[in-house]
């Protein structure tokens, strides 16, 4: 089983009812994989929804968070993210 972590861009598309994204998340779950919301993405999305007072989307987001769960952040993940960033930057693929 693999674990997939959604970032704020994907969450934004999901909340805007992008069917391609919704289908992909559902397919991933049905294939036995875990799908989580990244903790930084959680903060970014919630902050944005609160800022524009999007009450309906906040409720939808809260429901999605209960269904998928929010990933944990630790130093090893931050180290991996930093390495990926460096590799992408070296390739001019940010």
PDB file of N, CA and C in Angstrom:
ATOM      1  N   UNK A   1       0.846  -1.186   0.000  1.00  0.00           N
ATOM      2  CA  UNK A   1       0.000   0.000   0.000  1.00  0.00           C
ATOM      3  C   UNK A   1       0.883   1.238   0.000  1.00  0.00           C
ATOM      4  N   UNK A   2       0.546   2.175  -0.836  1.00  0.00           N
ATOM      5  CA  UNK A   2       1.253   3.452  -0.895  1.00  0.00           C
ATOM      6  C   UNK A   2       0.433   4.521  -0.195  1.00  0.00           C
ATOM      7  N   UNK A   3       1.120   5.569   0.192  1.00  0.00           N
ATOM      8  CA  UNK A   3       0.456   6.717   0.803  1.00  0.00           C
ATOM      9  C   UNK A   3       0.635   7.902  -0.140  1.00  0.00           C
ATOM     10  N   UNK A   4      -0.459   8.553  -0.472  1.00  0.00           N
ATOM     11  CA  UNK A   4      -0.442   9.734  -1.311  1.00  0.00           C
ATOM     12  C   UNK A   4      -0.844  10.929  -0.461  1.00  0.00           C
ATOM     13  N   UNK A   5      -0.128  12.028  -0.628  1.00  0.00           N
ATOM     14  CA  UNK A   5      -0.389  13.234   0.155  1.00  0.00           C
ATOM     15  C   UNK A   5      -0.809  14.343  -0.801  1.00  0.00           C
ATOM     16  N   UNK A   6      -1.984  14.907  -0.547  1.00  0.00           N
ATOM     17  CA  UNK A   6      -2.511  15.965  -1.402  1.00  0.00           C
ATOM     18  C   UNK A   6      -1.941  17.312  -0.989  1.00  0.00           C
ATOM     19  N   UNK A   7      -1.540  18.103  -1.980  1.00  0.00           N
ATOM     20  CA  UNK A   7      -1.059  19.453  -1.688  1.00  0.00           C
ATOM     21  C   UNK A   7      -2.204  20.450  -1.858  1.00  0.00           C
ATOM     22  N   UNK A   8      -1.920  21.704  -1.594  1.00  0.00           N
ATOM     23  CA  UNK A   8      -2.980  22.720  -1.598  1.00  0.00           C
ATOM     24  C   UNK A   8      -3.591  22.922  -2.981  1.00  0.00           C
ATOM     25  N   UNK A   9      -2.800  22.783  -4.042  1.00  0.00           N
ATOM     26  CA  UNK A   9      -3.355  22.952  -5.390  1.00  0.00           C
ATOM     27  C   UNK A   9      -4.393  21.870  -5.693  1.00  0.00           C
ATOM     28  N   UNK A  10      -4.048  20.633  -5.390  1.00  0.00           N
ATOM     29  CA  UNK A  10      -4.977  19.527  -5.650  1.00  0.00           C
ATOM     30  C   UNK A  10      -6.220  19.669  -4.778  1.00  0.00           C
ATOM     31  N   UNK A  11      -6.031  20.058  -3.523  1.00  0.00           N
ATOM     32  CA  UNK A  11      -7.179  20.266  -2.634  1.00  0.00           C
ATOM     33  C   UNK A  11      -8.096  21.362  -3.163  1.00  0.00           C
ATOM     34  N   UNK A  12      -7.502  22.407  -3.680  1.00  0.00           N
ATOM     35  CA  UNK A  12      -8.289  23.506  -4.238  1.00  0.00           C
ATOM     36  C   UNK A  12      -9.133  23.015  -5.418  1.00  0.00           C
ATOM     37  N   UNK A  13      -8.520  22.238  -6.310  1.00  0.00           N
ATOM     38  CA  UNK A  13      -9.281  21.675  -7.432  1.00  0.00           C
ATOM     39  C   UNK A  13     -10.389  20.749  -6.929  1.00  0.00           C
ATOM     40  N   UNK A  14     -10.066  19.935  -5.930  1.00  0.00           N
ATOM     41  CA  UNK A  14     -11.060  19.016  -5.363  1.00  0.00           C
ATOM     42  C   UNK A  14     -12.254  19.797  -4.820  1.00  0.00           C
ATOM     43  N   UNK A  15     -11.983  20.839  -4.057  1.00  0.00           N
ATOM     44  CA  UNK A  15     -13.062  21.629  -3.461  1.00  0.00           C
ATOM     45  C   UNK A  15     -13.867  22.394  -4.500  1.00  0.00           C
ATOM     46  N   UNK A  16     -13.268  22.638  -5.666  1.00  0.00           N
ATOM     47  CA  UNK A  16     -13.992  23.300  -6.757  1.00  0.00           C
ATOM     48  C   UNK A  16     -14.680  22.278  -7.661  1.00  0.00           C
ATOM     49  N   UNK A  17     -14.774  21.027  -7.153  1.00  0.00           N
ATOM     50  CA  UNK A  17     -15.497  19.951  -7.834  1.00  0.00           C
ATOM     51  C   UNK A  17     -14.880  19.554  -9.176  1.00  0.00           C
ATOM     52  N   UNK A  18     -13.554  19.598  -9.291  1.00  0.00           N
ATOM     53  CA  UNK A  18     -12.886  19.135 -10.502  1.00  0.00           C
ATOM     54  C   UNK A  18     -13.037  17.617 -10.560  1.00  0.00           C
ATOM     55  N   UNK A  19     -13.816  17.153 -11.517  1.00  0.00           N
ATOM     56  CA  UNK A  19     -14.163  15.730 -11.572  1.00  0.00           C
ATOM     57  C   UNK A  19     -12.954  14.837 -11.795  1.00  0.00           C
ATOM     58  N   UNK A  20     -11.993  15.298 -12.571  1.00  0.00           N
ATOM     59  CA  UNK A  20     -10.780  14.507 -12.803  1.00  0.00           C
ATOM     60  C   UNK A  20     -10.048  14.239 -11.489  1.00  0.00           C
ATOM     61  N   UNK A  21      -9.930  15.265 -10.652  1.00  0.00           N
ATOM     62  CA  UNK A  21      -9.250  15.121  -9.363  1.00  0.00           C
ATOM     63  C   UNK A  21     -10.064  14.231  -8.421  1.00  0.00           C
ATOM     64  N   UNK A  22     -11.361  14.465  -8.360  1.00  0.00           N
ATOM     65  CA  UNK A  22     -12.233  13.653  -7.503  1.00  0.00           C
ATOM     66  C   UNK A  22     -12.142  12.185  -7.897  1.00  0.00           C
ATOM     67  N   UNK A  23     -12.210  11.924  -9.201  1.00  0.00           N
ATOM     68  CA  UNK A  23     -12.131  10.541  -9.677  1.00  0.00           C
ATOM     69  C   UNK A  23     -10.787   9.905  -9.325  1.00  0.00           C
ATOM     70  N   UNK A  24      -9.712  10.656  -9.465  1.00  0.00           N
ATOM     71  CA  UNK A  24      -8.379  10.117  -9.180  1.00  0.00           C
ATOM     72  C   UNK A  24      -8.224   9.784  -7.693  1.00  0.00           C
ATOM     73  N   UNK A  25      -8.732  10.660  -6.825  1.00  0.00           N
ATOM     74  CA  UNK A  25      -8.670  10.394  -5.382  1.00  0.00           C
ATOM     75  C   UNK A  25      -9.487   9.144  -5.051  1.00  0.00           C
ATOM     76  N   UNK A  26     -10.690   9.051  -5.608  1.00  0.00           N
ATOM     77  CA  UNK A  26     -11.534   7.878  -5.349  1.00  0.00           C
ATOM     78  C   UNK A  26     -10.894   6.603  -5.876  1.00  0.00           C
ATOM     79  N   UNK A  27     -10.328   6.666  -7.061  1.00  0.00           N
ATOM     80  CA  UNK A  27      -9.656   5.505  -7.650  1.00  0.00           C
ATOM     81  C   UNK A  27      -8.479   5.053  -6.779  1.00  0.00           C
ATOM     82  N   UNK A  28      -7.720   6.021  -6.301  1.00  0.00           N
ATOM     83  CA  UNK A  28      -6.573   5.721  -5.451  1.00  0.00           C
ATOM     84  C   UNK A  28      -7.021   5.019  -4.170  1.00  0.00           C
ATOM     85  N   UNK A  29      -8.088   5.521  -3.566  1.00  0.00           N
ATOM     86  CA  UNK A  29      -8.628   4.894  -2.359  1.00  0.00           C
ATOM     87  C   UNK A  29      -9.149   3.487  -2.643  1.00  0.00           C
ATOM     88  N   UNK A  30      -9.875   3.344  -3.744  1.00  0.00           N
ATOM     89  CA  UNK A  30     -10.429   2.036  -4.099  1.00  0.00           C
ATOM     90  C   UNK A  30      -9.340   1.007  -4.392  1.00  0.00           C
ATOM     91  N   UNK A  31      -8.176   1.476  -4.826  1.00  0.00           N
ATOM     92  CA  UNK A  31      -7.054   0.579  -5.097  1.00  0.00           C
ATOM     93  C   UNK A  31      -6.275   0.239  -3.831  1.00  0.00           C
ATOM     94  N   UNK A  32      -6.811   0.638  -2.666  1.00  0.00           N
ATOM     95  CA  UNK A  32      -6.223   0.247  -1.395  1.00  0.00           C
ATOM     96  C   UNK A  32      -5.116   1.142  -0.879  1.00  0.00           C
ATOM     97  N   UNK A  33      -4.943   2.292  -1.497  1.00  0.00           N
ATOM     98  CA  UNK A  33      -3.909   3.218  -1.059  1.00  0.00           C
ATOM     99  C   UNK A  33      -4.489   4.213  -0.056  1.00  0.00           C
ATOM    100  N   UNK A  34      -3.617   4.774   0.725  1.00  0.00           N
ATOM    101  CA  UNK A  34      -4.026   5.799   1.685  1.00  0.00           C
ATOM    102  C   UNK A  34      -3.818   7.172   1.045  1.00  0.00           C
ATOM    103  N   UNK A  35      -4.778   8.053   1.232  1.00  0.00           N
ATOM    104  CA  UNK A  35      -4.679   9.426   0.735  1.00  0.00           C
ATOM    105  C   UNK A  35      -4.838  10.348   1.929  1.00  0.00           C
ATOM    106  N   UNK A  36      -3.840  11.195   2.130  1.00  0.00           N
ATOM    107  CA  UNK A  36      -3.839  12.136   3.255  1.00  0.00           C
ATOM    108  C   UNK A  36      -3.760  13.567   2.749  1.00  0.00           C
ATOM    109  N   UNK A  37      -4.143  14.465   3.605  1.00  0.00           N
ATOM    110  CA  UNK A  37      -3.968  15.893   3.349  1.00  0.00           C
ATOM    111  C   UNK A  37      -2.677  16.303   4.046  1.00  0.00           C
ATOM    112  N   UNK A  38      -1.796  16.929   3.298  1.00  0.00           N
ATOM    113  CA  UNK A  38      -0.546  17.389   3.891  1.00  0.00           C
ATOM    114  C   UNK A  38      -0.820  18.471   4.932  1.00  0.00           C
ATOM    115  N   UNK A  39      -0.103  18.456   6.038  1.00  0.00           N
ATOM    116  CA  UNK A  39      -0.371  19.440   7.096  1.00  0.00           C
ATOM    117  C   UNK A  39      -0.174  20.883   6.654  1.00  0.00           C
ATOM    118  N   UNK A  40       0.799  21.141   5.824  1.00  0.00           N
ATOM    119  CA  UNK A  40       0.995  22.514   5.337  1.00  0.00           C
ATOM    120  C   UNK A  40      -0.121  22.878   4.377  1.00  0.00           C
ATOM    121  N   UNK A  41      -0.537  21.924   3.546  1.00  0.00           N
ATOM    122  CA  UNK A  41      -1.658  22.165   2.639  1.00  0.00           C
ATOM    123  C   UNK A  41      -2.942  22.428   3.418  1.00  0.00           C
ATOM    124  N   UNK A  42      -3.131  21.691   4.509  1.00  0.00           N
ATOM    125  CA  UNK A  42      -4.300  21.921   5.367  1.00  0.00           C
ATOM    126  C   UNK A  42      -4.324  23.376   5.830  1.00  0.00           C
ATOM    127  N   UNK A  43      -3.188  23.823   6.331  1.00  0.00           N
ATOM    128  CA  UNK A  43      -3.090  25.208   6.807  1.00  0.00           C
ATOM    129  C   UNK A  43      -3.369  26.200   5.673  1.00  0.00           C
ATOM    130  N   UNK A  44      -2.745  25.980   4.516  1.00  0.00           N
ATOM    131  CA  UNK A  44      -2.903  26.924   3.403  1.00  0.00           C
ATOM    132  C   UNK A  44      -4.352  27.000   2.936  1.00  0.00           C
ATOM    133  N   UNK A  45      -5.002  25.853   2.805  1.00  0.00           N
ATOM    134  CA  UNK A  45      -6.387  25.837   2.330  1.00  0.00           C
ATOM    135  C   UNK A  45      -7.319  26.446   3.371  1.00  0.00           C
ATOM    136  N   UNK A  46      -7.165  26.041   4.614  1.00  0.00           N
ATOM    137  CA  UNK A  46      -8.057  26.569   5.653  1.00  0.00           C
ATOM    138  C   UNK A  46      -7.871  28.075   5.810  1.00  0.00           C
ATOM    139  N   UNK A  47      -6.624  28.525   5.804  1.00  0.00           N
ATOM    140  CA  UNK A  47      -6.338  29.963   5.898  1.00  0.00           C
ATOM    141  C   UNK A  47      -7.023  30.722   4.767  1.00  0.00           C
ATOM    142  N   UNK A  48      -6.929  30.194   3.560  1.00  0.00           N
ATOM    143  CA  UNK A  48      -7.540  30.855   2.411  1.00  0.00           C
ATOM    144  C   UNK A  48      -9.056  30.879   2.494  1.00  0.00           C
ATOM    145  N   UNK A  49      -9.648  29.774   2.903  1.00  0.00           N
ATOM    146  CA  UNK A  49     -11.103  29.718   3.006  1.00  0.00           C
ATOM    147  C   UNK A  49     -11.623  30.631   4.115  1.00  0.00           C
ATOM    148  N   UNK A  50     -10.900  30.680   5.217  1.00  0.00           N
ATOM    149  CA  UNK A  50     -11.289  31.591   6.298  1.00  0.00           C
ATOM    150  C   UNK A  50     -11.187  33.047   5.857  1.00  0.00           C
ATOM    151  N   UNK A  51     -10.133  33.352   5.113  1.00  0.00           N
ATOM    152  CA  UNK A  51      -9.907  34.736   4.669  1.00  0.00           C
ATOM    153  C   UNK A  51     -11.037  35.255   3.789  1.00  0.00           C
ATOM    154  N   UNK A  52     -11.605  34.357   2.971  1.00  0.00           N
ATOM    155  CA  UNK A  52     -12.700  34.800   2.095  1.00  0.00           C
ATOM    156  C   UNK A  52     -14.079  34.435   2.650  1.00  0.00           C
ATOM    157  N   UNK A  53     -14.078  33.944   3.886  1.00  0.00           N
ATOM    158  CA  UNK A  53     -15.313  33.597   4.575  1.00  0.00           C
ATOM    159  C   UNK A  53     -16.181  32.624   3.758  1.00  0.00           C
ATOM    160  N   UNK A  54     -15.539  31.610   3.219  1.00  0.00           N
ATOM    161  CA  UNK A  54     -16.216  30.611   2.390  1.00  0.00           C
ATOM    162  C   UNK A  54     -16.765  29.502   3.289  1.00  0.00           C
ATOM    163  N   UNK A  55     -17.856  29.789   3.946  1.00  0.00           N
ATOM    164  CA  UNK A  55     -18.418  28.879   4.948  1.00  0.00           C
ATOM    165  C   UNK A  55     -18.786  27.512   4.372  1.00  0.00           C
ATOM    166  N   UNK A  56     -19.400  27.496   3.202  1.00  0.00           N
ATOM    167  CA  UNK A  56     -19.795  26.222   2.598  1.00  0.00           C
ATOM    168  C   UNK A  56     -18.563  25.371   2.294  1.00  0.00           C
ATOM    169  N   UNK A  57     -17.557  25.984   1.693  1.00  0.00           N
ATOM    170  CA  UNK A  57     -16.329  25.231   1.366  1.00  0.00           C
ATOM    171  C   UNK A  57     -15.583  24.815   2.627  1.00  0.00           C
ATOM    172  N   UNK A  58     -15.644  25.632   3.683  1.00  0.00           N
ATOM    173  CA  UNK A  58     -15.014  25.245   4.948  1.00  0.00           C
ATOM    174  C   UNK A  58     -15.642  23.960   5.492  1.00  0.00           C
ATOM    175  N   UNK A  59     -16.963  23.859   5.394  1.00  0.00           N
ATOM    176  CA  UNK A  59     -17.647  22.643   5.845  1.00  0.00           C
ATOM    177  C   UNK A  59     -17.266  21.449   4.981  1.00  0.00           C
ATOM    178  N   UNK A  60     -17.212  21.664   3.668  1.00  0.00           N
ATOM    179  CA  UNK A  60     -16.799  20.592   2.765  1.00  0.00           C
ATOM    180  C   UNK A  60     -15.364  20.157   3.067  1.00  0.00           C
ATOM    181  N   UNK A  61     -14.506  21.123   3.327  1.00  0.00           N
ATOM    182  CA  UNK A  61     -13.110  20.825   3.634  1.00  0.00           C
ATOM    183  C   UNK A  61     -12.996  20.040   4.940  1.00  0.00           C
ATOM    184  N   UNK A  62     -13.772  20.440   5.938  1.00  0.00           N
ATOM    185  CA  UNK A  62     -13.759  19.727   7.219  1.00  0.00           C
ATOM    186  C   UNK A  62     -14.199  18.279   7.030  1.00  0.00           C
ATOM    187  N   UNK A  63     -15.218  18.060   6.203  1.00  0.00           N
ATOM    188  CA  UNK A  63     -15.679  16.698   5.921  1.00  0.00           C
ATOM    189  C   UNK A  63     -14.602  15.887   5.217  1.00  0.00           C
ATOM    190  N   UNK A  64     -13.952  16.501   4.246  1.00  0.00           N
ATOM    191  CA  UNK A  64     -12.882  15.820   3.524  1.00  0.00           C
ATOM    192  C   UNK A  64     -11.740  15.453   4.465  1.00  0.00           C
ATOM    193  N   UNK A  65     -11.417  16.356   5.372  1.00  0.00           N
ATOM    194  CA  UNK A  65     -10.343  16.097   6.345  1.00  0.00           C
ATOM    195  C   UNK A  65     -10.681  14.911   7.242  1.00  0.00           C
ATOM    196  N   UNK A  66     -11.945  14.781   7.616  1.00  0.00           N
ATOM    197  CA  UNK A  66     -12.365  13.642   8.446  1.00  0.00           C
ATOM    198  C   UNK A  66     -12.259  12.334   7.674  1.00  0.00           C
ATOM    199  N   UNK A  67     -12.594  12.383   6.396  1.00  0.00           N
ATOM    200  CA  UNK A  67     -12.566  11.176   5.566  1.00  0.00           C
ATOM    201  C   UNK A  67     -11.120  10.740   5.289  1.00  0.00           C
ATOM    202  N   UNK A  68     -10.286  11.681   4.859  1.00  0.00           N
ATOM    203  CA  UNK A  68      -8.930  11.336   4.451  1.00  0.00           C
ATOM    204  C   UNK A  68      -7.934  11.348   5.607  1.00  0.00           C
ATOM    205  N   UNK A  69      -8.065  12.302   6.483  1.00  0.00           N
ATOM    206  CA  UNK A  69      -7.092  12.481   7.554  1.00  0.00           C
ATOM    207  C   UNK A  69      -5.992  13.450   7.138  1.00  0.00           C
ATOM    208  N   UNK A  70      -5.288  13.927   8.117  1.00  0.00           N
ATOM    209  CA  UNK A  70      -4.220  14.896   7.888  1.00  0.00           C
ATOM    210  C   UNK A  70      -2.905  14.242   8.274  1.00  0.00           C
ATOM    211  N   UNK A  71      -1.955  14.305   7.372  1.00  0.00           N
ATOM    212  CA  UNK A  71      -0.656  13.689   7.612  1.00  0.00           C
ATOM    213  C   UNK A  71       0.099  14.378   8.740  1.00  0.00           C
ATOM    214  N   UNK A  72       1.065  13.662   9.267  1.00  0.00           N
ATOM    215  CA  UNK A  72       1.921  14.189  10.322  1.00  0.00           C
ATOM    216  C   UNK A  72       3.204  14.731   9.700  1.00  0.00           C
ATOM    217  N   UNK A  73       3.751  15.717  10.324  1.00  0.00           N
ATOM    218  CA  UNK A  73       4.967  16.340   9.813  1.00  0.00           C
ATOM    219  C   UNK A  73       6.094  16.079  10.791  1.00  0.00           C
ATOM    220  N   UNK A  74       7.176  15.529  10.288  1.00  0.00           N
ATOM    221  CA  UNK A  74       8.346  15.355  11.137  1.00  0.00           C
ATOM    222  C   UNK A  74       9.599  15.723  10.337  1.00  0.00           C
ATOM    223  N   UNK A  75      10.729  15.757  11.011  1.00  0.00           N
ATOM    224  CA  UNK A  75      11.958  16.212  10.368  1.00  0.00           C
ATOM    225  C   UNK A  75      12.370  15.363   9.178  1.00  0.00           C
ATOM    226  N   UNK A  76      12.123  14.064   9.233  1.00  0.00           N
ATOM    227  CA  UNK A  76      12.529  13.218   8.107  1.00  0.00           C
ATOM    228  C   UNK A  76      11.763  13.598   6.840  1.00  0.00           C
ATOM    229  N   UNK A  77      10.488  13.924   6.980  1.00  0.00           N
ATOM    230  CA  UNK A  77       9.715  14.369   5.818  1.00  0.00           C
ATOM    231  C   UNK A  77      10.213  15.708   5.299  1.00  0.00           C
ATOM    232  N   UNK A  78      10.552  16.591   6.197  1.00  0.00           N
ATOM    233  CA  UNK A  78      11.083  17.888   5.777  1.00  0.00           C
ATOM    234  C   UNK A  78      12.419  17.727   5.067  1.00  0.00           C
ATOM    235  N   UNK A  79      13.240  16.793   5.530  1.00  0.00           N
ATOM    236  CA  UNK A  79      14.520  16.526   4.873  1.00  0.00           C
ATOM    237  C   UNK A  79      14.308  16.001   3.458  1.00  0.00           C
ATOM    238  N   UNK A  80      13.352  15.079   3.307  1.00  0.00           N
ATOM    239  CA  UNK A  80      13.045  14.539   1.983  1.00  0.00           C
ATOM    240  C   UNK A  80      12.532  15.645   1.064  1.00  0.00           C
ATOM    241  N   UNK A  81      11.646  16.486   1.583  1.00  0.00           N
ATOM    242  CA  UNK A  81      11.107  17.590   0.789  1.00  0.00           C
ATOM    243  C   UNK A  81      12.211  18.541   0.352  1.00  0.00           C
ATOM    244  N   UNK A  82      13.140  18.817   1.232  1.00  0.00           N
ATOM    245  CA  UNK A  82      14.258  19.708   0.900  1.00  0.00           C
ATOM    246  C   UNK A  82      15.133  19.091  -0.196  1.00  0.00           C
ATOM    247  N   UNK A  83      15.369  17.777  -0.111  1.00  0.00           N
ATOM    248  CA  UNK A  83      16.162  17.096  -1.142  1.00  0.00           C
ATOM    249  C   UNK A  83      15.455  17.126  -2.496  1.00  0.00           C
ATOM    250  N   UNK A  84      14.149  16.884  -2.490  1.00  0.00           N
ATOM    251  CA  UNK A  84      13.380  16.931  -3.732  1.00  0.00           C
ATOM    252  C   UNK A  84      13.431  18.333  -4.328  1.00  0.00           C
ATOM    253  N   UNK A  85      13.284  19.348  -3.487  1.00  0.00           N
ATOM    254  CA  UNK A  85      13.350  20.732  -3.959  1.00  0.00           C
ATOM    255  C   UNK A  85      14.691  21.002  -4.636  1.00  0.00           C
ATOM    256  N   UNK A  86      15.774  20.576  -3.979  1.00  0.00           N
ATOM    257  CA  UNK A  86      17.109  20.804  -4.542  1.00  0.00           C
ATOM    258  C   UNK A  86      17.246  20.111  -5.891  1.00  0.00           C
ATOM    259  N   UNK A  87      16.791  18.858  -5.981  1.00  0.00           N
ATOM    260  CA  UNK A  87      16.883  18.125  -7.238  1.00  0.00           C
ATOM    261  C   UNK A  87      16.093  18.810  -8.344  1.00  0.00           C
ATOM    262  N   UNK A  88      14.891  19.245  -8.035  1.00  0.00           N
ATOM    263  CA  UNK A  88      14.065  19.929  -9.034  1.00  0.00           C
ATOM    264  C   UNK A  88      14.677  21.278  -9.424  1.00  0.00           C
ATOM    265  N   UNK A  89      15.211  21.972  -8.463  1.00  0.00           N
ATOM    266  CA  UNK A  89      15.845  23.268  -8.739  1.00  0.00           C
ATOM    267  C   UNK A  89      17.049  23.087  -9.648  1.00  0.00           C
ATOM    268  N   UNK A  90      17.846  22.059  -9.379  1.00  0.00           N
ATOM    269  CA  UNK A  90      19.020  21.775 -10.226  1.00  0.00           C
ATOM    270  C   UNK A  90      18.613  21.497 -11.671  1.00  0.00           C
ATOM    271  N   UNK A  91      17.405  20.957 -11.848  1.00  0.00           N
ATOM    272  CA  UNK A  91      16.902  20.636 -13.199  1.00  0.00           C
ATOM    273  C   UNK A  91      16.046  21.765 -13.765  1.00  0.00           C
ATOM    274  N   UNK A  92      15.952  22.890 -13.058  1.00  0.00           N
ATOM    275  CA  UNK A  92      15.081  24.002 -13.469  1.00  0.00           C
ATOM    276  C   UNK A  92      13.643  23.559 -13.674  1.00  0.00           C
ATOM    277  N   UNK A  93      13.149  22.735 -12.744  1.00  0.00           N
ATOM    278  CA  UNK A  93      11.796  22.194 -12.855  1.00  0.00           C
ATOM    279  C   UNK A  93      10.935  22.564 -11.653  1.00  0.00           C
ATOM    280  N   UNK A  94      11.180  23.724 -11.053  1.00  0.00           N
ATOM    281  CA  UNK A  94      10.371  24.122  -9.905  1.00  0.00           C
ATOM    282  C   UNK A  94       8.955  24.415 -10.346  1.00  0.00           C
TER     283      UNK A  94
END
